[in-house]
């Protein structure tokens, strides 16, 4: 069974898009592994690194990894995922505001 030229060209375009997506996912996977190794290294060298640096450093690494997970592995960067991204980021904003507000009340 042969495909017509239009179907064949669509197939080729989709194949290239899938190849590019797979390449991006592999790169992001390697980056997340590297960030995890950095976090473990920070804890491993806790006696030589200032302890006030370790917790914020690991928190920043965790935030970067969450962004990688959302945008690349959960495909939030693709077209049609704007509404879920809006809900996720507004939830993060509200949670941050609530935590900041409650910690201000507790520590003040």
Protein backbone atom coordinates (compact mmCIF):
# COMPACT_ATOMS: atom_id res chain seq x y z
CA UNK A 1 0.00 0.00 0.00
CA UNK A 2 1.49 3.35 -1.00
CA UNK A 3 0.89 6.72 0.58
CA UNK A 4 0.14 9.82 -1.44
CA UNK A 5 2.70 12.63 -1.42
CA UNK A 6 0.73 14.80 1.04
CA UNK A 7 0.49 12.01 3.59
CA UNK A 8 4.14 11.16 3.06
CA UNK A 9 5.23 14.77 3.64
CA UNK A 10 3.11 14.99 6.81
CA UNK A 11 4.68 11.76 8.00
CA UNK A 12 8.19 13.13 7.38
CA UNK A 13 7.41 16.40 9.20
CA UNK A 14 5.98 14.51 12.17
CA UNK A 15 8.98 12.18 12.19
CA UNK A 16 11.37 15.16 12.37
CA UNK A 17 9.32 16.75 15.15
CA UNK A 18 9.40 13.52 17.14
CA UNK A 19 13.14 13.22 16.62
CA UNK A 20 13.64 16.78 17.91
CA UNK A 21 11.39 16.13 20.92
CA UNK A 22 13.30 12.97 21.77
CA UNK A 23 16.61 14.82 21.51
CA UNK A 24 15.33 17.55 23.86
CA UNK A 25 14.05 15.00 26.34
CA UNK A 26 17.38 13.19 26.37
CA UNK A 27 19.26 16.46 26.98
CA UNK A 28 16.88 17.46 29.78
CA UNK A 29 17.14 13.99 31.32
CA UNK A 30 20.93 14.31 31.34
CA UNK A 31 20.62 17.76 32.93
CA UNK A 32 18.31 16.49 35.66
CA UNK A 33 20.73 13.68 36.45
CA UNK A 34 23.56 16.23 36.61
CA UNK A 35 21.52 18.50 38.92
CA UNK A 36 20.76 15.52 41.16
CA UNK A 37 24.46 14.68 41.34
CA UNK A 38 25.17 18.32 42.25
CA UNK A 39 22.65 18.14 45.10
CA UNK A 40 24.18 14.93 46.41
CA UNK A 41 27.66 16.45 46.11
CA UNK A 42 26.57 19.51 48.10
CA UNK A 43 25.40 17.26 50.93
CA UNK A 44 28.48 15.07 50.64
CA UNK A 45 30.79 18.06 51.04
CA UNK A 46 28.72 19.64 53.81
CA UNK A 47 31.77 19.81 56.08
CA UNK A 48 33.66 22.03 53.59
CA UNK A 49 30.73 24.08 52.25
CA UNK A 50 28.93 26.64 54.38
CA UNK A 51 25.76 24.98 55.71
CA UNK A 52 23.74 28.15 55.04
CA UNK A 53 24.52 27.68 51.36
CA UNK A 54 23.45 24.04 51.01
CA UNK A 55 19.69 24.32 51.68
CA UNK A 56 19.04 27.26 49.30
CA UNK A 57 21.28 25.64 46.68
CA UNK A 58 19.33 22.38 46.81
CA UNK A 59 16.05 24.31 46.75
CA UNK A 60 17.10 26.15 43.58
CA UNK A 61 18.16 22.86 41.99
CA UNK A 62 14.77 21.38 42.90
CA UNK A 63 12.90 24.31 41.35
CA UNK A 64 14.91 24.00 38.14
CA UNK A 65 14.18 20.27 38.02
CA UNK A 66 10.45 20.86 38.53
CA UNK A 67 10.47 23.29 35.62
CA UNK A 68 12.30 20.74 33.46
CA UNK A 69 9.76 18.09 34.44
CA UNK A 70 6.79 20.29 33.64
CA UNK A 71 7.97 21.71 30.36
CA UNK A 72 9.76 18.78 28.79
CA UNK A 73 8.57 15.52 30.32
CA UNK A 74 4.95 16.59 30.83
CA UNK A 75 4.96 18.52 27.52
CA UNK A 76 3.65 21.77 29.02
CA UNK A 77 5.59 23.72 26.40
CA UNK A 78 3.47 22.26 23.58
CA UNK A 79 0.55 24.06 22.05
CA UNK A 80 -2.76 23.46 23.83
CA UNK A 81 -1.35 23.28 27.36
CA UNK A 82 -1.75 26.95 28.21
CA UNK A 83 -4.71 26.50 30.60
CA UNK A 84 -3.08 23.76 32.73
CA UNK A 85 0.14 25.81 32.86
CA UNK A 86 -1.86 28.84 34.01
CA UNK A 87 -3.50 26.81 36.79
CA UNK A 88 -0.22 25.27 37.91
CA UNK A 89 1.65 28.57 38.02
CA UNK A 90 -1.21 30.42 39.71
CA UNK A 91 -1.31 27.64 42.31
CA UNK A 92 2.41 28.03 42.88
CA UNK A 93 1.96 31.80 43.21
CA UNK A 94 -0.85 31.43 45.76
CA UNK A 95 1.05 28.78 47.73
CA UNK A 96 4.13 31.01 47.84
CA UNK A 97 2.06 33.99 48.97
CA UNK A 98 0.35 31.96 51.68
CA UNK A 99 3.63 30.50 52.95
CA UNK A 100 5.26 33.94 52.93
CA UNK A 101 2.30 35.46 54.74
CA UNK A 102 2.12 32.75 57.39
CA UNK A 103 5.86 32.76 57.97
CA UNK A 104 5.74 36.54 58.36
CA UNK A 105 3.01 36.21 60.98
CA UNK A 106 4.90 33.49 62.83
CA UNK A 107 8.30 35.22 62.81
CA UNK A 108 7.15 38.78 63.43
